[in-house]
């Protein structure tokens, strides 16, 4: 799982955000650091009304970037077992 301080990336590493201890993320913008949910910050950096943060934000693996939705699905499957 992702730990506080881990870095999440937008597609093609256009933006980077840090995971906070409370599960929110923070990204540095032109007006300073902005904190919030994966959805809120994803929408903010894209200047969009909404964003599915699960598919927008990625984490780094040995084989490249994977959407954090992969981790969510992995947790769901293990919870069913």
N, C-alpha and C. Protein backbone atom coordinates (compact mmCIF):
# COMPACT_ATOMS: atom_id res chain seq x y z
N UNK A 1 0.83 -1.20 0.00
CA UNK A 1 0.00 0.00 0.00
C UNK A 1 0.86 1.25 0.00
N UNK A 2 0.23 2.35 -0.29
CA UNK A 2 0.94 3.63 -0.30
C UNK A 2 1.06 4.17 1.11
N UNK A 3 2.19 4.68 1.42
CA UNK A 3 2.46 5.24 2.75
C UNK A 3 2.49 6.77 2.68
N UNK A 4 2.26 7.43 3.81
CA UNK A 4 2.40 8.89 3.83
C UNK A 4 3.78 9.29 3.31
N UNK A 5 3.80 10.29 2.46
CA UNK A 5 5.05 10.73 1.85
C UNK A 5 5.29 10.13 0.48
N UNK A 6 4.52 9.08 0.12
CA UNK A 6 4.65 8.49 -1.22
C UNK A 6 4.26 9.52 -2.27
N UNK A 7 4.81 9.37 -3.44
CA UNK A 7 4.50 10.28 -4.54
C UNK A 7 3.53 9.63 -5.50
N UNK A 8 2.51 10.37 -5.88
CA UNK A 8 1.58 9.97 -6.93
C UNK A 8 1.83 10.86 -8.13
N UNK A 9 1.60 10.31 -9.30
CA UNK A 9 1.86 11.05 -10.53
C UNK A 9 0.62 11.11 -11.41
N UNK A 10 0.47 12.23 -12.09
CA UNK A 10 -0.53 12.34 -13.14
C UNK A 10 0.02 11.58 -14.35
N UNK A 11 -0.84 11.25 -15.32
CA UNK A 11 -0.33 10.59 -16.52
C UNK A 11 0.87 11.34 -17.12
N UNK A 12 1.83 10.60 -17.58
CA UNK A 12 3.07 11.12 -18.16
C UNK A 12 3.87 11.98 -17.17
N UNK A 13 3.58 11.80 -15.88
CA UNK A 13 4.26 12.54 -14.81
C UNK A 13 4.14 14.06 -14.95
N UNK A 14 3.01 14.49 -15.52
CA UNK A 14 2.80 15.93 -15.70
C UNK A 14 2.73 16.66 -14.36
N UNK A 15 2.15 16.02 -13.34
CA UNK A 15 2.07 16.59 -11.99
C UNK A 15 2.47 15.51 -11.00
N UNK A 16 2.99 15.93 -9.86
CA UNK A 16 3.33 15.01 -8.78
C UNK A 16 2.64 15.48 -7.51
N UNK A 17 2.13 14.55 -6.74
CA UNK A 17 1.46 14.87 -5.48
C UNK A 17 2.00 13.95 -4.39
N UNK A 18 1.96 14.43 -3.16
CA UNK A 18 2.41 13.64 -2.01
C UNK A 18 1.21 13.14 -1.22
N UNK A 19 1.28 11.87 -0.82
CA UNK A 19 0.25 11.29 0.03
C UNK A 19 0.46 11.79 1.45
N UNK A 20 -0.61 12.26 2.07
CA UNK A 20 -0.54 12.78 3.44
C UNK A 20 -0.99 11.70 4.42
N UNK A 21 -0.67 11.88 5.68
CA UNK A 21 -0.98 10.88 6.72
C UNK A 21 -2.47 10.59 6.82
N UNK A 22 -3.32 11.57 6.51
CA UNK A 22 -4.77 11.37 6.61
C UNK A 22 -5.37 10.77 5.34
N UNK A 23 -4.53 10.44 4.35
CA UNK A 23 -5.01 9.84 3.11
C UNK A 23 -5.28 10.84 2.00
N UNK A 24 -5.29 12.11 2.32
CA UNK A 24 -5.46 13.13 1.28
C UNK A 24 -4.12 13.28 0.55
N UNK A 25 -4.12 14.10 -0.48
CA UNK A 25 -2.87 14.37 -1.20
C UNK A 25 -2.63 15.87 -1.27
N UNK A 26 -1.40 16.23 -1.51
CA UNK A 26 -1.02 17.64 -1.63
C UNK A 26 -0.17 17.81 -2.88
N UNK A 27 -0.42 18.90 -3.58
CA UNK A 27 0.35 19.22 -4.78
C UNK A 27 0.76 20.68 -4.69
N UNK A 28 1.95 20.98 -5.16
CA UNK A 28 2.40 22.37 -5.20
C UNK A 28 1.91 23.02 -6.47
N UNK A 29 1.20 24.11 -6.30
CA UNK A 29 0.70 24.86 -7.45
C UNK A 29 1.27 26.25 -7.45
N UNK A 30 0.86 27.08 -8.39
CA UNK A 30 1.38 28.45 -8.46
C UNK A 30 1.03 29.28 -7.24
N UNK A 31 -0.03 28.90 -6.53
CA UNK A 31 -0.45 29.63 -5.34
C UNK A 31 -0.02 28.92 -4.05
N UNK A 32 0.90 27.98 -4.16
CA UNK A 32 1.34 27.23 -2.98
C UNK A 32 0.76 25.83 -2.97
N UNK A 33 0.94 25.14 -1.85
CA UNK A 33 0.46 23.77 -1.73
C UNK A 33 -1.06 23.74 -1.59
N UNK A 34 -1.68 22.80 -2.28
CA UNK A 34 -3.12 22.61 -2.22
C UNK A 34 -3.33 21.17 -1.76
N UNK A 35 -4.23 20.99 -0.81
CA UNK A 35 -4.49 19.67 -0.24
C UNK A 35 -5.94 19.29 -0.45
N UNK A 36 -6.18 17.99 -0.59
CA UNK A 36 -7.55 17.52 -0.71
C UNK A 36 -7.59 16.08 -1.16
N UNK A 37 -8.76 15.64 -1.57
CA UNK A 37 -8.95 14.27 -2.02
C UNK A 37 -8.28 14.06 -3.37
N UNK A 38 -8.10 12.80 -3.73
CA UNK A 38 -7.51 12.48 -5.04
C UNK A 38 -8.37 13.05 -6.16
N UNK A 39 -9.67 13.10 -5.94
CA UNK A 39 -10.59 13.61 -6.96
C UNK A 39 -10.50 15.13 -7.07
N UNK A 40 -10.52 15.80 -5.92
CA UNK A 40 -10.47 17.27 -5.90
C UNK A 40 -9.16 17.78 -6.49
N UNK A 41 -8.05 17.20 -6.10
CA UNK A 41 -6.75 17.67 -6.59
C UNK A 41 -6.56 17.31 -8.06
N UNK A 42 -7.05 16.15 -8.47
CA UNK A 42 -7.00 15.79 -9.89
C UNK A 42 -7.76 16.79 -10.74
N UNK A 43 -8.94 17.17 -10.29
CA UNK A 43 -9.73 18.18 -11.02
C UNK A 43 -9.01 19.52 -11.01
N UNK A 44 -8.44 19.88 -9.88
CA UNK A 44 -7.75 21.18 -9.76
C UNK A 44 -6.60 21.30 -10.75
N UNK A 45 -5.73 20.30 -10.80
CA UNK A 45 -4.55 20.42 -11.68
C UNK A 45 -4.94 20.40 -13.16
N UNK A 46 -6.09 19.82 -13.47
CA UNK A 46 -6.55 19.80 -14.86
C UNK A 46 -7.47 20.97 -15.19
N UNK A 47 -7.76 21.79 -14.16
CA UNK A 47 -8.71 22.90 -14.33
C UNK A 47 -10.05 22.37 -14.84
N UNK A 48 -10.49 21.27 -14.22
CA UNK A 48 -11.74 20.61 -14.61
C UNK A 48 -12.74 20.69 -13.46
N UNK A 49 -14.00 20.43 -13.77
CA UNK A 49 -15.04 20.44 -12.75
C UNK A 49 -14.97 19.20 -11.86
N UNK A 50 -14.55 18.08 -12.45
CA UNK A 50 -14.51 16.82 -11.70
C UNK A 50 -13.40 15.93 -12.25
N UNK A 51 -13.04 14.93 -11.46
CA UNK A 51 -11.98 14.01 -11.87
C UNK A 51 -12.15 12.70 -11.11
N UNK A 52 -11.97 11.59 -11.80
CA UNK A 52 -11.91 10.29 -11.12
C UNK A 52 -10.45 10.09 -10.69
N UNK A 53 -10.17 10.41 -9.46
CA UNK A 53 -8.81 10.32 -8.95
C UNK A 53 -8.23 8.92 -8.96
N UNK A 54 -9.10 7.91 -8.88
CA UNK A 54 -8.61 6.52 -8.89
C UNK A 54 -7.92 6.18 -10.20
N UNK A 55 -8.40 6.71 -11.29
CA UNK A 55 -7.78 6.41 -12.59
C UNK A 55 -6.79 7.49 -13.03
N UNK A 56 -6.92 8.70 -12.48
CA UNK A 56 -6.02 9.79 -12.88
C UNK A 56 -4.65 9.67 -12.23
N UNK A 57 -4.61 9.39 -10.92
CA UNK A 57 -3.33 9.34 -10.21
C UNK A 57 -2.69 7.96 -10.32
N UNK A 58 -1.37 7.95 -10.46
CA UNK A 58 -0.60 6.72 -10.64
C UNK A 58 0.52 6.64 -9.61
N UNK A 59 0.96 5.43 -9.34
CA UNK A 59 2.13 5.22 -8.49
C UNK A 59 3.19 4.50 -9.32
N UNK A 60 4.43 4.63 -8.89
CA UNK A 60 5.54 4.07 -9.66
C UNK A 60 5.82 2.64 -9.21
N UNK A 61 6.02 1.76 -10.19
CA UNK A 61 6.41 0.38 -9.94
C UNK A 61 7.71 0.11 -10.70
N UNK A 62 8.25 -1.07 -10.54
CA UNK A 62 9.47 -1.43 -11.26
C UNK A 62 9.24 -1.47 -12.77
N UNK A 63 7.99 -1.67 -13.18
CA UNK A 63 7.67 -1.76 -14.60
C UNK A 63 7.02 -0.50 -15.15
N UNK A 64 6.95 0.56 -14.36
CA UNK A 64 6.36 1.81 -14.83
C UNK A 64 5.20 2.25 -13.95
N UNK A 65 4.46 3.22 -14.43
CA UNK A 65 3.34 3.78 -13.65
C UNK A 65 2.10 2.89 -13.75
N UNK A 66 1.38 2.78 -12.62
CA UNK A 66 0.10 2.06 -12.59
C UNK A 66 -0.90 2.96 -11.89
N UNK A 67 -2.16 2.95 -12.35
CA UNK A 67 -3.18 3.76 -11.67
C UNK A 67 -3.42 3.24 -10.26
N UNK A 68 -3.71 4.14 -9.33
CA UNK A 68 -3.95 3.71 -7.96
C UNK A 68 -5.21 2.86 -7.86
N UNK A 69 -6.05 2.89 -8.88
CA UNK A 69 -7.22 2.02 -8.91
C UNK A 69 -6.80 0.55 -8.86
N UNK A 70 -5.62 0.24 -9.38
CA UNK A 70 -5.09 -1.13 -9.32
C UNK A 70 -4.96 -1.58 -7.86
N UNK A 71 -4.46 -0.70 -7.00
CA UNK A 71 -4.32 -1.03 -5.58
C UNK A 71 -5.68 -1.17 -4.91
N UNK A 72 -6.62 -0.32 -5.29
CA UNK A 72 -7.97 -0.40 -4.72
C UNK A 72 -8.62 -1.73 -5.06
N UNK A 73 -8.50 -2.15 -6.32
CA UNK A 73 -9.07 -3.42 -6.74
C UNK A 73 -8.40 -4.59 -6.02
N UNK A 74 -7.10 -4.49 -5.84
CA UNK A 74 -6.35 -5.53 -5.12
C UNK A 74 -6.86 -5.67 -3.69
N UNK A 75 -7.10 -4.54 -3.03
CA UNK A 75 -7.62 -4.55 -1.66
C UNK A 75 -9.05 -5.11 -1.61
N UNK A 76 -9.86 -4.77 -2.58
CA UNK A 76 -11.23 -5.29 -2.63
C UNK A 76 -11.23 -6.81 -2.76
N UNK A 77 -10.36 -7.33 -3.63
CA UNK A 77 -10.28 -8.77 -3.83
C UNK A 77 -9.81 -9.48 -2.57
N UNK A 78 -8.81 -8.93 -1.90
CA UNK A 78 -8.30 -9.58 -0.69
C UNK A 78 -9.32 -9.50 0.45
N UNK A 79 -10.16 -8.48 0.46
CA UNK A 79 -11.19 -8.35 1.50
C UNK A 79 -12.29 -9.40 1.33
N UNK A 80 -12.51 -9.84 0.09
CA UNK A 80 -13.54 -10.84 -0.19
C UNK A 80 -13.09 -12.25 0.18
N UNK A 81 -11.79 -12.45 0.26
CA UNK A 81 -11.26 -13.80 0.54
C UNK A 81 -11.34 -14.16 1.99
